[in-house]
Structure formats: structure tokens, C-alpha cells
Amino acid sequence: MRYSLPKSLEVNGTEYSIRTDYRDILRIIEAMNDPDLDEAEKAYISLFILYEDFENIPVDSYEEAFKQLVWFVDCGDDREHKPTTQAKLIDFEQDANIMIPAINRVAGKEIRDLEYLHWWTFLGYYMEVGECTFSTVISIRSKRAKGKKLEKWEQEFFNANKDLVLIRHKESEEEKEEKARLNAMLG
């Protein structure tokens, strides 16, 4: 059991200091979801954000460094994760306006005002979020993804708040250009 908050990761026998503030990890998640980046670019940018002394990590250690990054982002969860085809239930960028107030309530303070908040502490607060707009949105997304019938009040909430509930597709620059080209052709 881990009772301390890691501030470094071991990569092939060498300890490297990492950025552990929740905002840095959210930037990594944002990079990993960027449709304009390929997988190698996503990994490189993520490593660059996490490791304070990234330039000191040998190239042949990048794969292990990325495994350690995943371990850290997963809050030290050592279980093997199987690829999933489950619907996306959370978009940290889109959901920030409803997620942060829910976390603030659990934390008992405005977390955005904090100079520093360890990622694992942030996730701990997140895991304890109770009944609120954010949990309602996630519950409705989950039910819809599983094809379950919404309660009457949930359907009413969904109808009134589709912009909150539906996760917007992030278009790549290529998709935006193609859409603009088609719109120009159609006049």
C-alpha cells in the first residue's frame, strides 16, 4: 500500500523528478486527446510535460518512461489495462466547468487558487464527488452509452442540457479544412 505521494519515477534504474501538479497531468491528457497529433507525438509531448529533466532521459528509455507515466497518471494502479471500446464518459476540457465545482466541494476549497495540488490528491477528491450536476451528466452519459432507458427526470435534464451531456468531437485541422472545402463547394 502506498501512503506517500510520488514526486519522481524510476526509469531503468534512474530516478527522474516529475511534475505532479494536477494541471500538468490535465495538460498530458489534453495532448493525448489532440486529434492533430500522431501517437509518437502524443507520447513525446506527454513525456516532456511530466519529466522535469526529460532531456536527460536516454531515447532508449522512452518506452519505460512512458510506462511509468501511465502508472503515475493511473494513480499507481499496477493492474494491466485491456484496450477498451467503451464510450468516453469524461472530457476533462469540456467538463471543467462542472467538474471543478464538484471537486471544490469535496476539497472544501477552490482548487484553482491553490499553487499546487498533487495529481493523486486531485483524483482522490474526484473519486469522492457525490450527487451534483457533474455526477448527473456522467450517469446520463453512461446510461446512454449502455443503451439503458433514462428516468423521466434524466430525460428532461438531457433535453434541457444536451450541450453539457453530449461530448463534442474534437476535429483535427484536416477535418476542419475538409469541412471548409465542402462548404465552399456547396456555396
N, C-alpha and C. Protein backbone atom coordinates (compact mmCIF):
# COMPACT_ATOMS: atom_id res chain seq x y z
N MET A 1 0.84 -1.18 0.00
CA MET A 1 0.00 0.00 0.00
C MET A 1 0.88 1.24 0.00
N ARG A 2 0.49 2.23 -0.78
CA ARG A 2 1.27 3.47 -0.87
C ARG A 2 0.60 4.57 -0.07
N TYR A 3 1.35 5.15 0.85
CA TYR A 3 0.82 6.25 1.65
C TYR A 3 1.55 7.55 1.38
N SER A 4 2.45 7.53 0.43
CA SER A 4 3.16 8.76 0.08
C SER A 4 2.82 9.15 -1.35
N LEU A 5 3.06 10.41 -1.65
CA LEU A 5 2.78 10.92 -2.98
C LEU A 5 4.09 11.00 -3.76
N PRO A 6 4.22 10.20 -4.84
CA PRO A 6 5.49 10.21 -5.58
C PRO A 6 5.75 11.55 -6.25
N LYS A 7 7.01 11.93 -6.23
CA LYS A 7 7.45 13.17 -6.90
C LYS A 7 8.55 12.87 -7.91
N SER A 8 8.85 11.57 -8.04
CA SER A 8 9.83 11.13 -9.04
C SER A 8 9.43 9.72 -9.47
N LEU A 9 9.98 9.31 -10.61
CA LEU A 9 9.73 7.97 -11.13
C LEU A 9 11.06 7.34 -11.50
N GLU A 10 11.14 6.03 -11.29
CA GLU A 10 12.34 5.29 -11.66
C GLU A 10 12.17 4.75 -13.07
N VAL A 11 13.14 5.09 -13.91
CA VAL A 11 13.14 4.64 -15.29
C VAL A 11 14.46 3.92 -15.53
N ASN A 12 14.38 2.62 -15.73
CA ASN A 12 15.57 1.79 -15.97
C ASN A 12 16.68 2.07 -14.95
N GLY A 13 16.29 2.11 -13.68
CA GLY A 13 17.26 2.24 -12.60
C GLY A 13 17.65 3.66 -12.22
N THR A 14 17.13 4.65 -12.91
CA THR A 14 17.46 6.05 -12.61
C THR A 14 16.20 6.79 -12.19
N GLU A 15 16.30 7.56 -11.10
CA GLU A 15 15.17 8.38 -10.62
C GLU A 15 15.13 9.69 -11.39
N TYR A 16 13.94 10.05 -11.85
CA TYR A 16 13.73 11.31 -12.55
C TYR A 16 12.61 12.08 -11.85
N SER A 17 12.86 13.35 -11.56
CA SER A 17 11.84 14.20 -10.96
C SER A 17 10.72 14.42 -11.97
N ILE A 18 9.49 14.48 -11.45
CA ILE A 18 8.33 14.68 -12.32
C ILE A 18 7.50 15.86 -11.84
N ARG A 19 6.72 16.38 -12.75
CA ARG A 19 5.75 17.42 -12.42
C ARG A 19 4.49 16.69 -11.96
N THR A 20 4.05 16.97 -10.76
CA THR A 20 2.94 16.21 -10.18
C THR A 20 1.69 17.03 -9.96
N ASP A 21 1.71 18.31 -10.30
CA ASP A 21 0.52 19.13 -10.12
C ASP A 21 -0.58 18.67 -11.08
N TYR A 22 -1.80 18.69 -10.61
CA TYR A 22 -2.92 18.18 -11.42
C TYR A 22 -3.04 18.89 -12.76
N ARG A 23 -2.69 20.17 -12.81
CA ARG A 23 -2.79 20.92 -14.07
C ARG A 23 -1.83 20.35 -15.13
N ASP A 24 -0.65 19.90 -14.69
CA ASP A 24 0.30 19.30 -15.63
C ASP A 24 -0.25 18.00 -16.20
N ILE A 25 -0.88 17.21 -15.35
CA ILE A 25 -1.43 15.93 -15.82
C ILE A 25 -2.62 16.17 -16.75
N LEU A 26 -3.42 17.18 -16.45
CA LEU A 26 -4.52 17.51 -17.35
C LEU A 26 -3.99 17.97 -18.71
N ARG A 27 -2.83 18.65 -18.73
CA ARG A 27 -2.20 19.02 -19.99
C ARG A 27 -1.76 17.77 -20.76
N ILE A 28 -1.27 16.76 -20.03
CA ILE A 28 -0.89 15.50 -20.68
C ILE A 28 -2.13 14.83 -21.29
N ILE A 29 -3.21 14.80 -20.54
CA ILE A 29 -4.45 14.20 -21.04
C ILE A 29 -4.95 14.96 -22.26
N GLU A 30 -4.83 16.28 -22.22
CA GLU A 30 -5.23 17.10 -23.36
C GLU A 30 -4.38 16.75 -24.59
N ALA A 31 -3.07 16.59 -24.41
CA ALA A 31 -2.20 16.22 -25.52
C ALA A 31 -2.55 14.84 -26.06
N MET A 32 -2.85 13.91 -25.16
CA MET A 32 -3.18 12.55 -25.59
C MET A 32 -4.50 12.51 -26.37
N ASN A 33 -5.34 13.50 -26.19
CA ASN A 33 -6.62 13.55 -26.90
C ASN A 33 -6.60 14.48 -28.11
N ASP A 34 -5.45 15.05 -28.43
CA ASP A 34 -5.34 16.00 -29.53
C ASP A 34 -5.40 15.25 -30.87
N PRO A 35 -6.44 15.50 -31.66
CA PRO A 35 -6.58 14.77 -32.93
C PRO A 35 -5.54 15.15 -33.98
N ASP A 36 -4.82 16.25 -33.75
CA ASP A 36 -3.81 16.67 -34.72
C ASP A 36 -2.44 16.04 -34.47
N LEU A 37 -2.31 15.29 -33.39
CA LEU A 37 -1.03 14.65 -33.06
C LEU A 37 -1.10 13.16 -33.35
N ASP A 38 0.01 12.61 -33.86
CA ASP A 38 0.06 11.15 -34.02
C ASP A 38 0.51 10.55 -32.68
N GLU A 39 0.50 9.23 -32.59
CA GLU A 39 0.79 8.56 -31.32
C GLU A 39 2.19 8.88 -30.80
N ALA A 40 3.17 8.93 -31.67
CA ALA A 40 4.54 9.24 -31.24
C ALA A 40 4.63 10.67 -30.70
N GLU A 41 3.96 11.60 -31.36
CA GLU A 41 3.97 12.99 -30.89
C GLU A 41 3.27 13.11 -29.53
N LYS A 42 2.16 12.40 -29.37
CA LYS A 42 1.45 12.42 -28.10
C LYS A 42 2.34 11.91 -26.97
N ALA A 43 3.03 10.81 -27.22
CA ALA A 43 3.92 10.23 -26.21
C ALA A 43 5.06 11.19 -25.88
N TYR A 44 5.69 11.74 -26.89
CA TYR A 44 6.82 12.64 -26.69
C TYR A 44 6.40 13.87 -25.89
N ILE A 45 5.31 14.50 -26.27
CA ILE A 45 4.83 15.69 -25.57
C ILE A 45 4.48 15.35 -24.13
N SER A 46 3.84 14.21 -23.91
CA SER A 46 3.48 13.78 -22.56
C SER A 46 4.71 13.58 -21.69
N LEU A 47 5.72 12.93 -22.25
CA LEU A 47 6.97 12.73 -21.51
C LEU A 47 7.63 14.08 -21.20
N PHE A 48 7.63 14.97 -22.17
CA PHE A 48 8.23 16.28 -21.99
C PHE A 48 7.52 17.07 -20.87
N ILE A 49 6.21 16.96 -20.81
CA ILE A 49 5.46 17.66 -19.77
C ILE A 49 5.74 17.04 -18.40
N LEU A 50 5.72 15.72 -18.30
CA LEU A 50 5.84 15.06 -16.99
C LEU A 50 7.23 15.14 -16.39
N TYR A 51 8.24 14.81 -17.15
CA TYR A 51 9.60 14.71 -16.60
C TYR A 51 10.29 16.06 -16.60
N GLU A 52 10.65 16.53 -15.40
CA GLU A 52 11.31 17.83 -15.28
C GLU A 52 12.63 17.86 -16.02
N ASP A 53 13.34 16.75 -16.01
CA ASP A 53 14.64 16.69 -16.68
C ASP A 53 14.58 15.71 -17.85
N PHE A 54 13.55 15.88 -18.65
CA PHE A 54 13.30 14.98 -19.79
C PHE A 54 14.52 14.85 -20.69
N GLU A 55 15.24 15.94 -20.88
CA GLU A 55 16.40 15.90 -21.78
C GLU A 55 17.48 14.94 -21.31
N ASN A 56 17.44 14.53 -20.04
CA ASN A 56 18.43 13.60 -19.50
C ASN A 56 18.02 12.13 -19.66
N ILE A 57 16.81 11.89 -20.12
CA ILE A 57 16.36 10.51 -20.30
C ILE A 57 16.86 10.01 -21.65
N PRO A 58 17.60 8.90 -21.66
CA PRO A 58 18.08 8.35 -22.94
C PRO A 58 16.90 7.93 -23.82
N VAL A 59 17.05 8.11 -25.10
CA VAL A 59 16.00 7.77 -26.06
C VAL A 59 15.56 6.31 -25.90
N ASP A 60 16.52 5.42 -25.63
CA ASP A 60 16.14 4.01 -25.50
C ASP A 60 15.39 3.72 -24.20
N SER A 61 15.19 4.74 -23.36
CA SER A 61 14.41 4.59 -22.13
C SER A 61 13.02 5.22 -22.24
N TYR A 62 12.71 5.79 -23.40
CA TYR A 62 11.41 6.46 -23.56
C TYR A 62 10.23 5.51 -23.33
N GLU A 63 10.34 4.30 -23.83
CA GLU A 63 9.23 3.36 -23.67
C GLU A 63 8.97 3.09 -22.18
N GLU A 64 10.01 2.84 -21.41
CA GLU A 64 9.86 2.62 -19.97
C GLU A 64 9.39 3.89 -19.27
N ALA A 65 9.89 5.04 -19.71
CA ALA A 65 9.46 6.32 -19.13
C ALA A 65 7.96 6.52 -19.35
N PHE A 66 7.49 6.11 -20.54
CA PHE A 66 6.05 6.25 -20.82
C PHE A 66 5.23 5.28 -19.98
N LYS A 67 5.73 4.06 -19.78
CA LYS A 67 5.03 3.11 -18.90
C LYS A 67 4.91 3.67 -17.49
N GLN A 68 5.97 4.31 -17.02
CA GLN A 68 5.96 4.92 -15.69
C GLN A 68 4.98 6.10 -15.66
N LEU A 69 4.91 6.85 -16.74
CA LEU A 69 3.95 7.95 -16.85
C LEU A 69 2.53 7.41 -16.70
N VAL A 70 2.22 6.35 -17.42
CA VAL A 70 0.88 5.74 -17.34
C VAL A 70 0.59 5.27 -15.92
N TRP A 71 1.57 4.64 -15.29
CA TRP A 71 1.42 4.18 -13.90
C TRP A 71 1.09 5.36 -12.99
N PHE A 72 1.80 6.48 -13.17
CA PHE A 72 1.58 7.66 -12.34
C PHE A 72 0.19 8.25 -12.60
N VAL A 73 -0.15 8.44 -13.86
CA VAL A 73 -1.46 9.02 -14.20
C VAL A 73 -2.59 8.13 -13.68
N ASP A 74 -2.37 6.82 -13.68
CA ASP A 74 -3.35 5.86 -13.16
C ASP A 74 -3.30 5.73 -11.64
N CYS A 75 -2.61 6.65 -10.99
CA CYS A 75 -2.56 6.68 -9.52
C CYS A 75 -1.89 5.44 -8.93
N GLY A 76 -0.88 4.94 -9.61
CA GLY A 76 -0.14 3.81 -9.09
C GLY A 76 -0.83 2.48 -9.25
N ASP A 77 -1.81 2.44 -10.11
CA ASP A 77 -2.56 1.20 -10.36
C ASP A 77 -1.69 0.27 -11.20
N ASP A 78 -1.33 -0.87 -10.63
CA ASP A 78 -0.47 -1.83 -11.32
C ASP A 78 -1.24 -2.84 -12.17
N ARG A 79 -2.57 -2.81 -12.09
CA ARG A 79 -3.34 -3.77 -12.88
C ARG A 79 -3.15 -3.51 -14.35
N GLU A 80 -3.11 -4.61 -15.11
CA GLU A 80 -2.96 -4.47 -16.55
C GLU A 80 -4.30 -3.99 -17.13
N HIS A 81 -4.22 -2.98 -17.95
CA HIS A 81 -5.43 -2.43 -18.55
C HIS A 81 -5.60 -3.01 -19.94
N LYS A 82 -6.78 -3.49 -20.19
CA LYS A 82 -7.08 -4.03 -21.51
C LYS A 82 -7.64 -2.91 -22.37
N PRO A 83 -7.31 -2.93 -23.65
CA PRO A 83 -7.90 -1.91 -24.54
C PRO A 83 -9.42 -1.96 -24.44
N THR A 84 -10.02 -0.81 -24.45
CA THR A 84 -11.47 -0.75 -24.29
C THR A 84 -12.12 -0.04 -25.46
N THR A 85 -13.33 -0.44 -25.73
CA THR A 85 -14.12 0.24 -26.76
C THR A 85 -15.29 0.97 -26.12
N GLN A 86 -15.21 1.13 -24.79
CA GLN A 86 -16.29 1.81 -24.08
C GLN A 86 -16.38 3.26 -24.54
N ALA A 87 -17.59 3.79 -24.46
CA ALA A 87 -17.81 5.18 -24.82
C ALA A 87 -17.09 6.08 -23.82
N LYS A 88 -16.62 7.20 -24.32
CA LYS A 88 -15.95 8.18 -23.48
C LYS A 88 -16.99 8.85 -22.60
N LEU A 89 -16.76 8.81 -21.29
CA LEU A 89 -17.72 9.39 -20.35
C LEU A 89 -17.29 10.74 -19.83
N ILE A 90 -15.99 11.03 -19.90
CA ILE A 90 -15.47 12.27 -19.34
C ILE A 90 -14.55 12.93 -20.35
N ASP A 91 -14.68 14.23 -20.48
CA ASP A 91 -13.75 15.03 -21.26
C ASP A 91 -13.31 16.15 -20.32
N PHE A 92 -12.08 16.04 -19.82
CA PHE A 92 -11.61 16.98 -18.81
C PHE A 92 -11.68 18.43 -19.27
N GLU A 93 -11.47 18.68 -20.54
CA GLU A 93 -11.57 20.05 -21.05
C GLU A 93 -13.03 20.52 -21.08
N GLN A 94 -13.88 19.76 -21.71
CA GLN A 94 -15.28 20.13 -21.84
C GLN A 94 -15.99 20.17 -20.49
N ASP A 95 -15.64 19.25 -19.60
CA ASP A 95 -16.34 19.12 -18.32
C ASP A 95 -15.78 19.98 -17.20
N ALA A 96 -14.72 20.73 -17.47
CA ALA A 96 -14.07 21.51 -16.40
C ALA A 96 -15.05 22.38 -15.63
N ASN A 97 -15.98 23.03 -16.32
CA ASN A 97 -16.90 23.97 -15.65
C ASN A 97 -17.87 23.29 -14.69
N ILE A 98 -18.11 22.00 -14.86
CA ILE A 98 -18.98 21.30 -13.92
C ILE A 98 -18.21 20.35 -13.01
N MET A 99 -17.01 19.96 -13.44
CA MET A 99 -16.19 19.05 -12.63
C MET A 99 -15.49 19.80 -11.49
N ILE A 100 -14.89 20.94 -11.79
CA ILE A 100 -14.12 21.67 -10.77
C ILE A 100 -14.99 22.08 -9.58
N PRO A 101 -16.20 22.61 -9.78
CA PRO A 101 -17.02 22.92 -8.60
C PRO A 101 -17.33 21.69 -7.75
N ALA A 102 -17.52 20.54 -8.40
CA ALA A 102 -17.79 19.31 -7.65
C ALA A 102 -16.56 18.92 -6.82
N ILE A 103 -15.39 19.04 -7.40
CA ILE A 103 -14.15 18.73 -6.67
C ILE A 103 -13.93 19.76 -5.57
N ASN A 104 -14.20 21.02 -5.86
CA ASN A 104 -14.06 22.06 -4.83
C ASN A 104 -14.91 21.73 -3.60
N ARG A 105 -16.11 21.24 -3.84
CA ARG A 105 -17.00 20.90 -2.72
C ARG A 105 -16.37 19.81 -1.85
N VAL A 106 -15.79 18.80 -2.48
CA VAL A 106 -15.13 17.72 -1.74
C VAL A 106 -13.90 18.25 -1.02
N ALA A 107 -13.10 19.07 -1.71
CA ALA A 107 -11.85 19.59 -1.14
C ALA A 107 -12.11 20.65 -0.08
N GLY A 108 -13.27 21.27 -0.13
CA GLY A 108 -13.57 22.33 0.83
C GLY A 108 -12.84 23.63 0.53
N LYS A 109 -12.38 23.76 -0.72
CA LYS A 109 -11.67 24.98 -1.12
C LYS A 109 -11.64 25.06 -2.64
N GLU A 110 -11.30 26.22 -3.12
CA GLU A 110 -11.17 26.45 -4.56
C GLU A 110 -9.81 25.92 -5.00
N ILE A 111 -9.80 24.79 -5.70
CA ILE A 111 -8.53 24.16 -6.05
C ILE A 111 -7.75 24.95 -7.10
N ARG A 112 -8.46 25.74 -7.90
CA ARG A 112 -7.76 26.53 -8.92
C ARG A 112 -6.92 27.63 -8.31
N ASP A 113 -7.24 28.02 -7.07
CA ASP A 113 -6.46 29.04 -6.37
C ASP A 113 -5.21 28.47 -5.71
N LEU A 114 -5.16 27.15 -5.59
CA LEU A 114 -4.00 26.52 -4.95
C LEU A 114 -2.80 26.61 -5.88
N GLU A 115 -1.66 26.94 -5.31
CA GLU A 115 -0.44 26.99 -6.10
C GLU A 115 -0.05 25.60 -6.59
N TYR A 116 -0.39 24.58 -5.78
CA TYR A 116 0.00 23.22 -6.10
C TYR A 116 -1.01 22.25 -5.51
N LEU A 117 -1.35 21.23 -6.28
CA LEU A 117 -2.19 20.14 -5.80
C LEU A 117 -1.73 18.87 -6.52
N HIS A 118 -1.22 17.92 -5.77
CA HIS A 118 -0.71 16.67 -6.35
C HIS A 118 -1.83 15.97 -7.12
N TRP A 119 -1.48 15.39 -8.25
CA TRP A 119 -2.43 14.69 -9.11
C TRP A 119 -3.22 13.63 -8.34
N TRP A 120 -2.52 12.85 -7.50
CA TRP A 120 -3.20 11.79 -6.77
C TRP A 120 -4.21 12.35 -5.78
N THR A 121 -3.91 13.50 -5.19
CA THR A 121 -4.86 14.15 -4.28
C THR A 121 -6.06 14.64 -5.06
N PHE A 122 -5.81 15.24 -6.22
CA PHE A 122 -6.88 15.68 -7.11
C PHE A 122 -7.79 14.51 -7.45
N LEU A 123 -7.21 13.36 -7.83
CA LEU A 123 -8.01 12.18 -8.17
C LEU A 123 -8.77 11.65 -6.95
N GLY A 124 -8.15 11.75 -5.78
CA GLY A 124 -8.85 11.35 -4.56
C GLY A 124 -10.10 12.18 -4.35
N TYR A 125 -9.97 13.48 -4.52
CA TYR A 125 -11.15 14.36 -4.42
C TYR A 125 -12.18 13.98 -5.48
N TYR A 126 -11.69 13.77 -6.70
CA TYR A 126 -12.57 13.42 -7.82
C TYR A 126 -13.37 12.15 -7.52
N MET A 127 -12.71 11.16 -6.93
CA MET A 127 -13.37 9.88 -6.64
C MET A 127 -14.47 10.02 -5.60
N GLU A 128 -14.41 11.07 -4.81
CA GLU A 128 -15.39 11.27 -3.74
C GLU A 128 -16.53 12.21 -4.12
N VAL A 129 -16.57 12.64 -5.35
CA VAL A 129 -17.64 13.53 -5.80
C VAL A 129 -18.97 12.81 -5.66
N GLY A 130 -19.90 13.45 -5.00
CA GLY A 130 -21.23 12.87 -4.79
C GLY A 130 -22.25 13.45 -5.75
N GLU A 131 -23.49 13.48 -5.30
CA GLU A 131 -24.59 14.00 -6.13
C GLU A 131 -24.35 15.46 -6.48
N CYS A 132 -24.32 15.72 -7.77
CA CYS A 132 -24.13 17.08 -8.28
C CYS A 132 -24.39 17.06 -9.78
N THR A 133 -24.30 18.20 -10.40
CA THR A 133 -24.50 18.28 -11.85
C THR A 133 -23.52 17.37 -12.59
N PHE A 134 -22.25 17.40 -12.17
CA PHE A 134 -21.23 16.59 -12.83
C PHE A 134 -21.59 15.11 -12.77
N SER A 135 -21.96 14.60 -11.60
CA SER A 135 -22.29 13.18 -11.48
C SER A 135 -23.55 12.83 -12.27
N THR A 136 -24.48 13.76 -12.35
CA THR A 136 -25.68 13.55 -13.15
C THR A 136 -25.32 13.40 -14.63
N VAL A 137 -24.46 14.29 -15.11
CA VAL A 137 -24.03 14.25 -16.51
C VAL A 137 -23.33 12.92 -16.80
N ILE A 138 -22.42 12.50 -15.93
CA ILE A 138 -21.68 11.24 -16.14
C ILE A 138 -22.64 10.06 -16.13
N SER A 139 -23.59 10.07 -15.21
CA SER A 139 -24.57 8.99 -15.12
C SER A 139 -25.41 8.89 -16.39
N ILE A 140 -25.86 10.02 -16.89
CA ILE A 140 -26.65 10.02 -18.13
C ILE A 140 -25.81 9.55 -19.31
N ARG A 141 -24.57 10.01 -19.39
CA ARG A 141 -23.68 9.54 -20.47
C ARG A 141 -23.51 8.03 -20.41
N SER A 142 -23.32 7.53 -19.21
CA SER A 142 -23.11 6.10 -19.02
C SER A 142 -24.34 5.30 -19.44
N LYS A 143 -25.50 5.73 -18.99
CA LYS A 143 -26.73 5.03 -19.36
C LYS A 143 -26.95 5.05 -20.87
N ARG A 144 -26.73 6.21 -21.49
CA ARG A 144 -26.93 6.32 -22.93
C ARG A 144 -25.94 5.43 -23.69
N ALA A 145 -24.69 5.36 -23.19
CA ALA A 145 -23.67 4.53 -23.84
C ALA A 145 -24.03 3.05 -23.75
N LYS A 146 -24.69 2.67 -22.68
CA LYS A 146 -25.07 1.26 -22.48
C LYS A 146 -26.45 0.96 -23.05
N GLY A 147 -27.11 1.97 -23.63
CA GLY A 147 -28.42 1.78 -24.22
C GLY A 147 -29.52 1.62 -23.17
N LYS A 148 -29.28 2.09 -21.95
CA LYS A 148 -30.29 1.98 -20.89
C LYS A 148 -31.27 3.14 -20.99
N LYS A 149 -32.47 2.86 -20.56
CA LYS A 149 -33.53 3.88 -20.57
C LYS A 149 -33.27 4.88 -19.45
N LEU A 150 -33.41 6.15 -19.80
CA LEU A 150 -33.26 7.21 -18.80
C LEU A 150 -34.55 7.37 -18.02
N GLU A 151 -34.40 7.69 -16.73
CA GLU A 151 -35.57 8.04 -15.92
C GLU A 151 -36.18 9.30 -16.52
N LYS A 152 -37.42 9.58 -16.18
CA LYS A 152 -38.10 10.76 -16.75
C LYS A 152 -37.33 12.04 -16.45
N TRP A 153 -36.87 12.21 -15.20
CA TRP A 153 -36.15 13.43 -14.84
C TRP A 153 -34.81 13.51 -15.56
N GLU A 154 -34.17 12.34 -15.80
CA GLU A 154 -32.90 12.32 -16.53
C GLU A 154 -33.11 12.72 -17.98
N GLN A 155 -34.19 12.24 -18.59
CA GLN A 155 -34.50 12.60 -19.98
C GLN A 155 -34.78 14.10 -20.08
N GLU A 156 -35.49 14.63 -19.09
CA GLU A 156 -35.76 16.07 -19.07
C GLU A 156 -34.46 16.86 -18.92
N PHE A 157 -33.58 16.39 -18.03
CA PHE A 157 -32.28 17.04 -17.84
C PHE A 157 -31.49 16.99 -19.14
N PHE A 158 -31.46 15.82 -19.77
CA PHE A 158 -30.73 15.66 -21.03
C PHE A 158 -31.28 16.61 -22.09
N ASN A 159 -32.59 16.66 -22.25
CA ASN A 159 -33.20 17.52 -23.26
C ASN A 159 -32.87 18.99 -23.03
N ALA A 160 -32.79 19.39 -21.77
CA ALA A 160 -32.51 20.79 -21.43
C ALA A 160 -31.02 21.11 -21.42
N ASN A 161 -30.17 20.07 -21.38
CA ASN A 161 -28.73 20.31 -21.21
C ASN A 161 -27.87 19.46 -22.15
N LYS A 162 -28.31 19.30 -23.37
CA LYS A 162 -27.56 18.48 -24.32
C LYS A 162 -26.13 18.97 -24.50
N ASP A 163 -25.94 20.29 -24.43
CA ASP A 163 -24.60 20.85 -24.59
C ASP A 163 -23.66 20.42 -23.47
N LEU A 164 -24.20 20.12 -22.30
CA LEU A 164 -23.39 19.60 -21.19
C LEU A 164 -23.16 18.11 -21.31
N VAL A 165 -24.18 17.39 -21.72
CA VAL A 165 -24.14 15.93 -21.69
C VAL A 165 -23.39 15.34 -22.88
N LEU A 166 -23.65 15.83 -24.06
CA LEU A 166 -23.01 15.27 -25.26
C LEU A 166 -21.56 15.71 -25.34
N ILE A 167 -20.66 14.75 -25.49
CA ILE A 167 -19.25 15.08 -25.64
C ILE A 167 -19.01 15.49 -27.08
N ARG A 168 -18.47 16.69 -27.23
CA ARG A 168 -18.22 17.22 -28.57
C ARG A 168 -16.99 16.54 -29.17
N HIS A 169 -17.11 16.18 -30.42
CA HIS A 169 -16.00 15.60 -31.17
C HIS A 169 -14.99 16.71 -31.47
N LYS A 170 -13.73 16.45 -31.17
CA LYS A 170 -12.68 17.42 -31.48
C LYS A 170 -12.19 17.14 -32.89
N GLU A 171 -12.39 18.11 -33.74
CA GLU A 171 -11.99 17.96 -35.13
C GLU A 171 -10.52 18.27 -35.30
N SER A 172 -9.86 17.48 -36.10
CA SER A 172 -8.47 17.77 -36.44
C SER A 172 -8.46 18.92 -37.43
N GLU A 173 -7.29 19.50 -37.63
CA GLU A 173 -7.17 20.57 -38.63
C GLU A 173 -7.55 20.05 -40.01
N GLU A 174 -7.20 18.81 -40.28
CA GLU A 174 -7.54 18.19 -41.56
C GLU A 174 -9.06 18.11 -41.74
N GLU A 175 -9.77 17.71 -40.70
CA GLU A 175 -11.23 17.64 -40.76
C GLU A 175 -11.84 19.03 -40.94
N LYS A 176 -11.30 20.02 -40.26
CA LYS A 176 -11.80 21.40 -40.39
C LYS A 176 -11.61 21.91 -41.82
N GLU A 177 -10.44 21.63 -42.39
CA GLU A 177 -10.16 22.06 -43.76
C GLU A 177 -11.09 21.39 -44.76
N GLU A 178 -11.33 20.08 -44.56
CA GLU A 178 -12.23 19.35 -45.45
C GLU A 178 -13.65 19.90 -45.35
N LYS A 179 -14.09 20.19 -44.14
CA LYS A 179 -15.43 20.76 -43.94
C LYS A 179 -15.53 22.13 -44.63
N ALA A 180 -14.50 22.95 -44.48
CA ALA A 180 -14.49 24.27 -45.12
C ALA A 180 -14.52 24.13 -46.64
N ARG A 181 -13.76 23.16 -47.16
CA ARG A 181 -13.72 22.91 -48.61
C ARG A 181 -15.10 22.51 -49.11
N LEU A 182 -15.77 21.60 -48.39
CA LEU A 182 -17.11 21.15 -48.79
C LEU A 182 -18.11 22.30 -48.70
N ASN A 183 -18.02 23.10 -47.65
CA ASN A 183 -18.93 24.24 -47.50
C ASN A 183 -18.73 25.25 -48.63
N ALA A 184 -17.46 25.46 -49.05
CA ALA A 184 -17.19 26.38 -50.15
C ALA A 184 -17.77 25.83 -51.46
N MET A 185 -17.70 24.52 -51.65
CA MET A 185 -18.24 23.91 -52.86
C MET A 185 -19.76 24.04 -52.90
N LEU A 186 -20.38 23.92 -51.72
CA LEU A 186 -21.84 23.97 -51.65
C LEU A 186 -22.37 25.40 -51.66
N GLY A 187 -21.47 26.34 -51.47
CA GLY A 187 -21.84 27.75 -51.57
C GLY A 187 -22.37 28.24 -50.31
